[in-house]
Amino acid sequence: MLEKQQRRAKRPKGSATPDAARNSRGGILSVAEAILAERGGSALTIDAVAKAAGLSKGGVLYHFPSKASLIEALIDRSIAAIDAVFLVAEKGRAASEDTTTSYAVIRRHLERQPIELHSCLMSLTNASALETYRRKLLELAGQRVAAGIERATMDTVLIMLFGVLGKRLLRFELR
C-alpha cells in the first residue's frame, strides 16, 4: 500500500497513466480506430475494443452504451477532422490565389494526419452507419457553405482526402 502511494506521489499532478489514457473516451476511440484500420468494420465489437484497450466490457459500455454509439463517436471524430481540413483549405485559398499552392497546403495537412483517423470511411459497411456519416457530412458542408467556404474548396478537400487516404492505405508512392 505504501509503495503504491509513493508511486502515485512521484507522478506529476494531473498526468495520466497509459492505462488511464486507454480508459478515457478518447483512448477507447483510438483503440476502436486501430481495430478498424487493422481488421476492418466487421471486427469492431465492444468485446474487441475492451480487450484491445485492456478494459472490461462494462468499462467500454460506460462511455459507449452500444456499438452504434461507438461508431457514431468515430464518425463525429472523423467529421471534426474533415472540418479542420476545410478551414485549413479556406485559409490557404484566401492567402494564395495560386491553386497549386493551396492544393499543396491541403495535401501536407492531410498527410500529417494519422491514417486511423478516417479508417471508418473505408471500413463501414453497415448501411445505417454509412447513412449517419453521409448525413453528418452533409450537415457540415451546409454549415461551411453558410459560413462562406466555397463549394469548390470543399470538393477539393474531399477529393484530396479520399485520394491521400487511398494512397496511404495502398502504400502507393510514386518514386
N, C-alpha and C. Protein backbone atom coordinates (compact mmCIF):
# COMPACT_ATOMS: atom_id res chain seq x y z
N MET A 1 0.83 -1.20 0.00
CA MET A 1 0.00 0.00 0.00
C MET A 1 0.87 1.25 0.00
N LEU A 2 1.90 1.27 0.85
CA LEU A 2 2.79 2.42 0.93
C LEU A 2 3.52 2.62 -0.39
N GLU A 3 3.94 1.51 -1.02
CA GLU A 3 4.65 1.59 -2.30
C GLU A 3 3.75 2.22 -3.36
N LYS A 4 2.48 1.85 -3.38
CA LYS A 4 1.52 2.41 -4.35
C LYS A 4 1.35 3.92 -4.14
N GLN A 5 1.29 4.34 -2.87
CA GLN A 5 1.15 5.76 -2.57
C GLN A 5 2.40 6.53 -3.00
N GLN A 6 3.59 5.92 -2.83
CA GLN A 6 4.82 6.58 -3.22
C GLN A 6 4.87 6.75 -4.74
N ARG A 7 4.47 5.71 -5.49
CA ARG A 7 4.45 5.83 -6.95
C ARG A 7 3.49 6.92 -7.40
N ARG A 8 2.33 6.99 -6.76
CA ARG A 8 1.34 8.00 -7.10
C ARG A 8 1.88 9.39 -6.79
N ALA A 9 2.61 9.53 -5.70
CA ALA A 9 3.15 10.82 -5.30
C ALA A 9 4.23 11.30 -6.27
N LYS A 10 4.98 10.40 -6.89
CA LYS A 10 6.05 10.77 -7.80
C LYS A 10 5.53 11.26 -9.16
N ARG A 11 4.33 10.84 -9.54
CA ARG A 11 3.78 11.23 -10.82
C ARG A 11 3.32 12.68 -10.75
N PRO A 12 3.64 13.50 -11.77
CA PRO A 12 3.19 14.88 -11.76
C PRO A 12 1.67 14.96 -11.65
N LYS A 13 1.21 15.93 -10.90
CA LYS A 13 -0.22 16.10 -10.68
C LYS A 13 -0.93 16.31 -12.03
N GLY A 14 -2.00 15.59 -12.23
CA GLY A 14 -2.79 15.74 -13.45
C GLY A 14 -2.30 14.87 -14.60
N SER A 15 -1.15 14.20 -14.46
CA SER A 15 -0.69 13.35 -15.55
C SER A 15 -1.40 12.01 -15.48
N ALA A 16 -1.70 11.48 -16.64
CA ALA A 16 -2.44 10.22 -16.70
C ALA A 16 -1.48 9.08 -16.98
N THR A 17 -1.77 7.94 -16.43
CA THR A 17 -1.00 6.74 -16.73
C THR A 17 -1.46 6.24 -18.10
N PRO A 18 -0.65 5.39 -18.76
CA PRO A 18 -1.12 4.84 -20.05
C PRO A 18 -2.46 4.12 -19.91
N ASP A 19 -2.66 3.40 -18.81
CA ASP A 19 -3.94 2.72 -18.61
C ASP A 19 -5.09 3.70 -18.49
N ALA A 20 -4.85 4.80 -17.79
CA ALA A 20 -5.90 5.81 -17.64
C ALA A 20 -6.23 6.44 -18.98
N ALA A 21 -5.22 6.63 -19.82
CA ALA A 21 -5.47 7.22 -21.15
C ALA A 21 -6.32 6.28 -21.99
N ARG A 22 -6.07 4.96 -21.92
CA ARG A 22 -6.87 4.00 -22.67
C ARG A 22 -8.28 3.92 -22.13
N ASN A 23 -8.45 4.19 -20.85
CA ASN A 23 -9.76 4.11 -20.21
C ASN A 23 -10.61 5.34 -20.49
N SER A 24 -10.02 6.38 -21.06
CA SER A 24 -10.78 7.59 -21.37
C SER A 24 -11.59 7.38 -22.65
N ARG A 25 -12.55 8.23 -22.85
CA ARG A 25 -13.38 8.17 -24.06
C ARG A 25 -12.51 8.27 -25.32
N GLY A 26 -11.60 9.22 -25.33
CA GLY A 26 -10.71 9.40 -26.48
C GLY A 26 -9.79 8.21 -26.69
N GLY A 27 -9.31 7.64 -25.60
CA GLY A 27 -8.44 6.47 -25.70
C GLY A 27 -9.18 5.27 -26.27
N ILE A 28 -10.41 5.10 -25.85
CA ILE A 28 -11.23 3.99 -26.37
C ILE A 28 -11.48 4.20 -27.87
N LEU A 29 -11.74 5.44 -28.27
CA LEU A 29 -11.94 5.73 -29.69
C LEU A 29 -10.68 5.43 -30.49
N SER A 30 -9.53 5.76 -29.93
CA SER A 30 -8.27 5.47 -30.63
C SER A 30 -8.08 3.97 -30.82
N VAL A 31 -8.42 3.20 -29.80
CA VAL A 31 -8.33 1.74 -29.90
C VAL A 31 -9.30 1.25 -30.98
N ALA A 32 -10.52 1.77 -31.00
CA ALA A 32 -11.51 1.37 -32.00
C ALA A 32 -11.03 1.74 -33.41
N GLU A 33 -10.42 2.90 -33.57
CA GLU A 33 -9.88 3.30 -34.86
C GLU A 33 -8.80 2.33 -35.32
N ALA A 34 -7.94 1.93 -34.39
CA ALA A 34 -6.88 0.98 -34.74
C ALA A 34 -7.46 -0.36 -35.18
N ILE A 35 -8.51 -0.81 -34.51
CA ILE A 35 -9.15 -2.06 -34.91
C ILE A 35 -9.72 -1.94 -36.32
N LEU A 36 -10.39 -0.83 -36.59
CA LEU A 36 -10.94 -0.62 -37.93
C LEU A 36 -9.83 -0.61 -38.98
N ALA A 37 -8.73 0.07 -38.69
CA ALA A 37 -7.64 0.18 -39.66
C ALA A 37 -6.96 -1.16 -39.90
N GLU A 38 -6.83 -1.95 -38.85
CA GLU A 38 -6.09 -3.21 -38.96
C GLU A 38 -6.95 -4.37 -39.44
N ARG A 39 -8.23 -4.40 -38.97
CA ARG A 39 -9.03 -5.61 -39.22
C ARG A 39 -10.35 -5.35 -39.92
N GLY A 40 -10.73 -4.09 -40.10
CA GLY A 40 -11.96 -3.79 -40.81
C GLY A 40 -13.17 -3.67 -39.91
N GLY A 41 -14.27 -3.23 -40.51
CA GLY A 41 -15.50 -2.95 -39.78
C GLY A 41 -16.14 -4.15 -39.11
N SER A 42 -16.02 -5.31 -39.72
CA SER A 42 -16.65 -6.49 -39.13
C SER A 42 -15.98 -6.92 -37.83
N ALA A 43 -14.73 -6.51 -37.62
CA ALA A 43 -14.00 -6.87 -36.39
C ALA A 43 -14.30 -5.90 -35.24
N LEU A 44 -14.97 -4.81 -35.53
CA LEU A 44 -15.25 -3.83 -34.49
C LEU A 44 -16.43 -4.28 -33.65
N THR A 45 -16.13 -4.74 -32.45
CA THR A 45 -17.16 -5.12 -31.48
C THR A 45 -16.78 -4.50 -30.14
N ILE A 46 -17.74 -4.37 -29.27
CA ILE A 46 -17.46 -3.85 -27.93
C ILE A 46 -16.45 -4.76 -27.24
N ASP A 47 -16.62 -6.06 -27.39
CA ASP A 47 -15.68 -7.01 -26.77
C ASP A 47 -14.26 -6.82 -27.30
N ALA A 48 -14.11 -6.65 -28.63
CA ALA A 48 -12.79 -6.48 -29.23
C ALA A 48 -12.13 -5.19 -28.75
N VAL A 49 -12.91 -4.12 -28.65
CA VAL A 49 -12.38 -2.84 -28.16
C VAL A 49 -11.96 -2.98 -26.71
N ALA A 50 -12.80 -3.61 -25.90
CA ALA A 50 -12.48 -3.79 -24.48
C ALA A 50 -11.18 -4.58 -24.32
N LYS A 51 -11.07 -5.66 -25.06
CA LYS A 51 -9.87 -6.50 -24.97
C LYS A 51 -8.63 -5.72 -25.39
N ALA A 52 -8.70 -5.04 -26.52
CA ALA A 52 -7.55 -4.29 -27.04
C ALA A 52 -7.17 -3.13 -26.11
N ALA A 53 -8.15 -2.55 -25.44
CA ALA A 53 -7.89 -1.43 -24.53
C ALA A 53 -7.49 -1.90 -23.13
N GLY A 54 -7.63 -3.20 -22.90
CA GLY A 54 -7.33 -3.72 -21.57
C GLY A 54 -8.38 -3.34 -20.54
N LEU A 55 -9.61 -3.26 -21.00
CA LEU A 55 -10.73 -2.87 -20.13
C LEU A 55 -11.75 -4.01 -20.06
N SER A 56 -12.64 -3.87 -19.13
CA SER A 56 -13.79 -4.78 -19.12
C SER A 56 -14.80 -4.27 -20.14
N LYS A 57 -15.70 -5.13 -20.54
CA LYS A 57 -16.76 -4.71 -21.46
C LYS A 57 -17.55 -3.56 -20.84
N GLY A 58 -17.79 -3.65 -19.53
CA GLY A 58 -18.50 -2.58 -18.83
C GLY A 58 -17.77 -1.25 -18.88
N GLY A 59 -16.43 -1.31 -18.88
CA GLY A 59 -15.63 -0.08 -18.97
C GLY A 59 -15.85 0.64 -20.29
N VAL A 60 -16.01 -0.13 -21.36
CA VAL A 60 -16.30 0.47 -22.66
C VAL A 60 -17.75 0.93 -22.71
N LEU A 61 -18.65 0.09 -22.20
CA LEU A 61 -20.07 0.44 -22.23
C LEU A 61 -20.40 1.67 -21.37
N TYR A 62 -19.56 1.97 -20.40
CA TYR A 62 -19.74 3.18 -19.60
C TYR A 62 -19.69 4.42 -20.50
N HIS A 63 -18.76 4.41 -21.46
CA HIS A 63 -18.59 5.55 -22.37
C HIS A 63 -19.48 5.45 -23.61
N PHE A 64 -19.70 4.21 -24.07
CA PHE A 64 -20.45 3.97 -25.30
C PHE A 64 -21.45 2.85 -25.04
N PRO A 65 -22.71 3.19 -24.80
CA PRO A 65 -23.70 2.19 -24.40
C PRO A 65 -24.03 1.15 -25.47
N SER A 66 -23.56 1.36 -26.70
CA SER A 66 -23.82 0.39 -27.77
C SER A 66 -22.74 0.53 -28.84
N LYS A 67 -22.69 -0.47 -29.70
CA LYS A 67 -21.76 -0.40 -30.83
C LYS A 67 -22.14 0.79 -31.72
N ALA A 68 -23.42 1.03 -31.88
CA ALA A 68 -23.87 2.15 -32.70
C ALA A 68 -23.37 3.48 -32.15
N SER A 69 -23.39 3.64 -30.83
CA SER A 69 -22.90 4.90 -30.25
C SER A 69 -21.38 5.03 -30.41
N LEU A 70 -20.67 3.91 -30.37
CA LEU A 70 -19.23 3.92 -30.61
C LEU A 70 -18.95 4.34 -32.05
N ILE A 71 -19.68 3.76 -32.99
CA ILE A 71 -19.49 4.10 -34.41
C ILE A 71 -19.84 5.57 -34.65
N GLU A 72 -20.91 6.04 -34.03
CA GLU A 72 -21.28 7.45 -34.21
C GLU A 72 -20.19 8.38 -33.67
N ALA A 73 -19.59 8.01 -32.55
CA ALA A 73 -18.48 8.82 -32.00
C ALA A 73 -17.28 8.81 -32.94
N LEU A 74 -17.01 7.67 -33.58
CA LEU A 74 -15.92 7.61 -34.57
C LEU A 74 -16.24 8.50 -35.77
N ILE A 75 -17.48 8.48 -36.20
CA ILE A 75 -17.90 9.33 -37.31
C ILE A 75 -17.75 10.79 -36.92
N ASP A 76 -18.20 11.15 -35.72
CA ASP A 76 -18.07 12.53 -35.25
C ASP A 76 -16.61 12.98 -35.24
N ARG A 77 -15.74 12.09 -34.81
CA ARG A 77 -14.31 12.41 -34.76
C ARG A 77 -13.76 12.65 -36.17
N SER A 78 -14.17 11.83 -37.10
CA SER A 78 -13.74 11.98 -38.49
C SER A 78 -14.29 13.27 -39.10
N ILE A 79 -15.56 13.55 -38.84
CA ILE A 79 -16.19 14.78 -39.35
C ILE A 79 -15.47 16.01 -38.80
N ALA A 80 -15.12 16.00 -37.52
CA ALA A 80 -14.40 17.13 -36.92
C ALA A 80 -13.04 17.32 -37.60
N ALA A 81 -12.38 16.23 -37.92
CA ALA A 81 -11.08 16.33 -38.60
C ALA A 81 -11.26 16.87 -40.02
N ILE A 82 -12.32 16.46 -40.70
CA ILE A 82 -12.60 16.99 -42.05
C ILE A 82 -12.90 18.47 -41.96
N ASP A 83 -13.64 18.89 -40.95
CA ASP A 83 -13.93 20.30 -40.77
C ASP A 83 -12.64 21.10 -40.59
N ALA A 84 -11.69 20.55 -39.83
CA ALA A 84 -10.40 21.23 -39.65
C ALA A 84 -9.69 21.38 -40.99
N VAL A 85 -9.80 20.38 -41.85
CA VAL A 85 -9.17 20.46 -43.17
C VAL A 85 -9.88 21.51 -44.03
N PHE A 86 -11.22 21.58 -43.95
CA PHE A 86 -11.95 22.62 -44.67
C PHE A 86 -11.41 24.01 -44.28
N LEU A 87 -11.22 24.21 -42.99
CA LEU A 87 -10.76 25.51 -42.52
C LEU A 87 -9.33 25.80 -42.97
N VAL A 88 -8.46 24.79 -42.95
CA VAL A 88 -7.09 24.95 -43.44
C VAL A 88 -7.12 25.30 -44.93
N ALA A 89 -7.96 24.60 -45.67
CA ALA A 89 -8.07 24.83 -47.11
C ALA A 89 -8.57 26.24 -47.40
N GLU A 90 -9.55 26.68 -46.65
CA GLU A 90 -10.09 28.03 -46.86
C GLU A 90 -9.04 29.09 -46.56
N LYS A 91 -8.29 28.89 -45.49
CA LYS A 91 -7.21 29.84 -45.17
C LYS A 91 -6.15 29.84 -46.27
N GLY A 92 -5.80 28.66 -46.75
CA GLY A 92 -4.81 28.55 -47.83
C GLY A 92 -5.30 29.21 -49.11
N ARG A 93 -6.58 29.03 -49.42
CA ARG A 93 -7.15 29.63 -50.63
C ARG A 93 -7.19 31.15 -50.50
N ALA A 94 -7.56 31.62 -49.32
CA ALA A 94 -7.64 33.06 -49.10
C ALA A 94 -6.25 33.71 -49.13
N ALA A 95 -5.24 32.98 -48.68
CA ALA A 95 -3.89 33.53 -48.61
C ALA A 95 -3.18 33.48 -49.96
N SER A 96 -3.64 32.64 -50.86
CA SER A 96 -2.94 32.48 -52.13
C SER A 96 -3.94 32.31 -53.26
N GLU A 97 -3.76 33.10 -54.28
CA GLU A 97 -4.60 32.94 -55.47
C GLU A 97 -4.12 31.76 -56.31
N ASP A 98 -2.91 31.29 -56.02
CA ASP A 98 -2.33 30.18 -56.77
C ASP A 98 -2.95 28.87 -56.30
N THR A 99 -3.71 28.21 -57.16
CA THR A 99 -4.40 26.97 -56.82
C THR A 99 -3.41 25.88 -56.41
N THR A 100 -2.29 25.80 -57.10
CA THR A 100 -1.30 24.77 -56.79
C THR A 100 -0.80 24.91 -55.36
N THR A 101 -0.58 26.13 -54.91
CA THR A 101 -0.12 26.37 -53.54
C THR A 101 -1.17 25.93 -52.54
N SER A 102 -2.44 26.25 -52.77
CA SER A 102 -3.48 25.85 -51.82
C SER A 102 -3.65 24.33 -51.83
N TYR A 103 -3.48 23.66 -52.98
CA TYR A 103 -3.52 22.21 -53.03
C TYR A 103 -2.39 21.61 -52.19
N ALA A 104 -1.23 22.21 -52.29
CA ALA A 104 -0.07 21.71 -51.53
C ALA A 104 -0.31 21.85 -50.04
N VAL A 105 -0.93 22.94 -49.62
CA VAL A 105 -1.24 23.14 -48.20
C VAL A 105 -2.20 22.06 -47.71
N ILE A 106 -3.23 21.80 -48.49
CA ILE A 106 -4.22 20.77 -48.12
C ILE A 106 -3.54 19.40 -48.06
N ARG A 107 -2.75 19.07 -49.08
CA ARG A 107 -2.09 17.76 -49.11
C ARG A 107 -1.16 17.57 -47.92
N ARG A 108 -0.36 18.58 -47.60
CA ARG A 108 0.55 18.46 -46.44
C ARG A 108 -0.24 18.25 -45.15
N HIS A 109 -1.34 18.97 -45.00
CA HIS A 109 -2.16 18.81 -43.79
C HIS A 109 -2.73 17.39 -43.72
N LEU A 110 -3.24 16.89 -44.82
CA LEU A 110 -3.83 15.54 -44.83
C LEU A 110 -2.78 14.47 -44.58
N GLU A 111 -1.61 14.63 -45.14
CA GLU A 111 -0.57 13.62 -44.99
C GLU A 111 -0.03 13.54 -43.56
N ARG A 112 -0.21 14.58 -42.77
CA ARG A 112 0.26 14.57 -41.38
C ARG A 112 -0.73 13.89 -40.45
N GLN A 113 -1.95 13.68 -40.90
CA GLN A 113 -2.95 13.06 -40.04
C GLN A 113 -2.72 11.56 -39.94
N PRO A 114 -2.99 10.99 -38.76
CA PRO A 114 -2.87 9.53 -38.65
C PRO A 114 -3.88 8.84 -39.54
N ILE A 115 -3.49 7.77 -40.16
CA ILE A 115 -4.37 7.08 -41.10
C ILE A 115 -5.62 6.54 -40.42
N GLU A 116 -5.51 6.16 -39.15
CA GLU A 116 -6.66 5.60 -38.45
C GLU A 116 -7.80 6.60 -38.33
N LEU A 117 -7.46 7.90 -38.40
CA LEU A 117 -8.47 8.92 -38.21
C LEU A 117 -9.67 8.76 -39.14
N HIS A 118 -9.44 8.37 -40.37
CA HIS A 118 -10.53 8.23 -41.33
C HIS A 118 -10.76 6.79 -41.76
N SER A 119 -10.19 5.87 -41.00
CA SER A 119 -10.34 4.46 -41.37
C SER A 119 -11.80 4.05 -41.39
N CYS A 120 -12.62 4.72 -40.58
CA CYS A 120 -14.05 4.35 -40.58
C CYS A 120 -14.67 4.61 -41.95
N LEU A 121 -14.12 5.54 -42.72
CA LEU A 121 -14.64 5.79 -44.06
C LEU A 121 -14.51 4.57 -44.94
N MET A 122 -13.40 3.87 -44.79
CA MET A 122 -13.12 2.73 -45.65
C MET A 122 -13.69 1.43 -45.08
N SER A 123 -14.01 1.41 -43.80
CA SER A 123 -14.39 0.16 -43.14
C SER A 123 -15.88 0.02 -42.87
N LEU A 124 -16.62 1.09 -42.94
CA LEU A 124 -18.04 1.00 -42.62
C LEU A 124 -18.80 0.30 -43.74
N THR A 125 -19.47 -0.76 -43.39
CA THR A 125 -20.29 -1.48 -44.37
C THR A 125 -21.76 -1.49 -43.94
N ASN A 126 -22.01 -1.08 -42.71
CA ASN A 126 -23.36 -1.03 -42.17
C ASN A 126 -24.10 0.14 -42.83
N ALA A 127 -25.23 -0.14 -43.46
CA ALA A 127 -25.98 0.89 -44.18
C ALA A 127 -26.39 2.04 -43.26
N SER A 128 -26.77 1.72 -42.05
CA SER A 128 -27.18 2.75 -41.10
C SER A 128 -25.99 3.66 -40.75
N ALA A 129 -24.83 3.07 -40.54
CA ALA A 129 -23.63 3.86 -40.21
C ALA A 129 -23.24 4.74 -41.39
N LEU A 130 -23.31 4.19 -42.59
CA LEU A 130 -22.97 4.98 -43.78
C LEU A 130 -23.95 6.14 -43.96
N GLU A 131 -25.23 5.90 -43.68
CA GLU A 131 -26.23 6.97 -43.78
C GLU A 131 -25.95 8.05 -42.73
N THR A 132 -25.59 7.64 -41.52
CA THR A 132 -25.23 8.61 -40.47
C THR A 132 -24.04 9.45 -40.91
N TYR A 133 -23.04 8.79 -41.46
CA TYR A 133 -21.84 9.50 -41.92
C TYR A 133 -22.20 10.50 -43.02
N ARG A 134 -22.99 10.05 -44.00
CA ARG A 134 -23.41 10.92 -45.10
C ARG A 134 -24.19 12.12 -44.59
N ARG A 135 -25.13 11.87 -43.67
CA ARG A 135 -25.95 12.95 -43.12
C ARG A 135 -25.09 13.98 -42.39
N LYS A 136 -24.16 13.49 -41.57
CA LYS A 136 -23.30 14.41 -40.80
C LYS A 136 -22.36 15.19 -41.71
N LEU A 137 -21.87 14.55 -42.76
CA LEU A 137 -21.00 15.25 -43.71
C LEU A 137 -21.79 16.31 -44.47
N LEU A 138 -23.04 16.00 -44.83
CA LEU A 138 -23.89 17.00 -45.49
C LEU A 138 -24.21 18.17 -44.56
N GLU A 139 -24.46 17.88 -43.29
CA GLU A 139 -24.71 18.96 -42.31
C GLU A 139 -23.49 19.87 -42.21
N LEU A 140 -22.31 19.26 -42.12
CA LEU A 140 -21.08 20.05 -42.04
C LEU A 140 -20.91 20.90 -43.29
N ALA A 141 -21.13 20.29 -44.46
CA ALA A 141 -20.99 21.05 -45.71
C ALA A 141 -21.95 22.23 -45.74
N GLY A 142 -23.19 22.02 -45.30
CA GLY A 142 -24.16 23.11 -45.25
C GLY A 142 -23.72 24.22 -44.32
N GLN A 143 -23.18 23.85 -43.17
CA GLN A 143 -22.68 24.87 -42.22
C GLN A 143 -21.52 25.66 -42.82
N ARG A 144 -20.62 24.96 -43.49
CA ARG A 144 -19.44 25.63 -44.06
C ARG A 144 -19.83 26.51 -45.24
N VAL A 145 -20.78 26.09 -46.06
CA VAL A 145 -21.25 26.94 -47.16
C VAL A 145 -21.89 28.20 -46.57
N ALA A 146 -22.70 28.04 -45.52
CA ALA A 146 -23.33 29.19 -44.86
C ALA A 146 -22.27 30.13 -44.26
N ALA A 147 -21.14 29.57 -43.85
CA ALA A 147 -20.06 30.38 -43.27
C ALA A 147 -19.18 31.01 -44.34
N GLY A 148 -19.44 30.69 -45.62
CA GLY A 148 -18.71 31.34 -46.69
C GLY A 148 -17.62 30.53 -47.36
N ILE A 149 -17.44 29.29 -46.98
CA ILE A 149 -16.44 28.46 -47.67
C ILE A 149 -17.02 28.05 -49.01
N GLU A 150 -16.23 28.18 -50.06
CA GLU A 150 -16.69 27.86 -51.40
C GLU A 150 -16.89 26.36 -51.58
N ARG A 151 -17.90 26.01 -52.35
CA ARG A 151 -18.16 24.59 -52.63
C ARG A 151 -16.97 23.94 -53.32
N ALA A 152 -16.31 24.68 -54.20
CA ALA A 152 -15.16 24.12 -54.90
C ALA A 152 -14.05 23.76 -53.92
N THR A 153 -13.88 24.55 -52.88
CA THR A 153 -12.87 24.25 -51.87
C THR A 153 -13.23 22.97 -51.14
N MET A 154 -14.52 22.82 -50.80
CA MET A 154 -14.94 21.60 -50.10
C MET A 154 -14.79 20.38 -51.00
N ASP A 155 -15.14 20.50 -52.27
CA ASP A 155 -14.96 19.38 -53.19
C ASP A 155 -13.49 18.99 -53.27
N THR A 156 -12.63 19.99 -53.37
CA THR A 156 -11.19 19.73 -53.44
C THR A 156 -10.71 18.99 -52.20
N VAL A 157 -11.14 19.43 -51.03
CA VAL A 157 -10.74 18.78 -49.78
C VAL A 157 -11.19 17.33 -49.77
N LEU A 158 -12.43 17.08 -50.11
CA LEU A 158 -12.95 15.70 -50.07
C LEU A 158 -12.25 14.81 -51.09
N ILE A 159 -12.03 15.31 -52.28
CA ILE A 159 -11.32 14.52 -53.29
C ILE A 159 -9.90 14.23 -52.83
N MET A 160 -9.24 15.23 -52.30
CA MET A 160 -7.87 15.03 -51.82
C MET A 160 -7.84 14.12 -50.60
N LEU A 161 -8.82 14.27 -49.71
CA LEU A 161 -8.88 13.40 -48.53
C LEU A 161 -8.95 11.94 -48.93
N PHE A 162 -9.88 11.62 -49.82
CA PHE A 162 -10.05 10.23 -50.23
C PHE A 162 -8.85 9.76 -51.05
N GLY A 163 -8.27 10.65 -51.82
CA GLY A 163 -7.07 10.29 -52.59
C GLY A 163 -5.88 10.02 -51.70
N VAL A 164 -5.61 10.90 -50.75
CA VAL A 164 -4.48 10.71 -49.84
C VAL A 164 -4.70 9.47 -48.98
N LEU A 165 -5.91 9.30 -48.49
CA LEU A 165 -6.23 8.13 -47.68
C LEU A 165 -6.04 6.85 -48.48
N GLY A 166 -6.55 6.83 -49.70
CA GLY A 166 -6.39 5.66 -50.54
C GLY A 166 -4.93 5.36 -50.83
N LYS A 167 -4.16 6.39 -51.14
CA LYS A 167 -2.73 6.19 -51.39
C LYS A 167 -2.03 5.58 -50.18
N ARG A 168 -2.36 6.10 -49.00
CA ARG A 168 -1.70 5.61 -47.79
C ARG A 168 -2.16 4.20 -47.45
N LEU A 169 -3.44 3.90 -47.63
CA LEU A 169 -3.92 2.55 -47.35
C LEU A 169 -3.29 1.53 -48.29
N LEU A 170 -3.09 1.94 -49.53
CA LEU A 170 -2.48 1.05 -50.52
C LEU A 170 -0.96 1.07 -50.47
N ARG A 171 -0.42 1.96 -49.64
CA ARG A 171 1.03 2.15 -49.56
C ARG A 171 1.61 2.41 -50.96
N PHE A 172 0.96 3.33 -51.65
CA PHE A 172 1.31 3.66 -53.03
C PHE A 172 2.13 4.94 -53.04
N GLU A 173 3.33 4.87 -53.55
CA GLU A 173 4.19 6.04 -53.67
C GLU A 173 4.84 6.07 -55.03
N LEU A 174 4.76 7.19 -55.69
CA LEU A 174 5.50 7.36 -56.95
C LEU A 174 6.91 7.78 -56.62
N ARG A 175 7.86 7.13 -57.22
CA ARG A 175 9.27 7.46 -56.93
C ARG A 175 9.97 7.85 -58.21
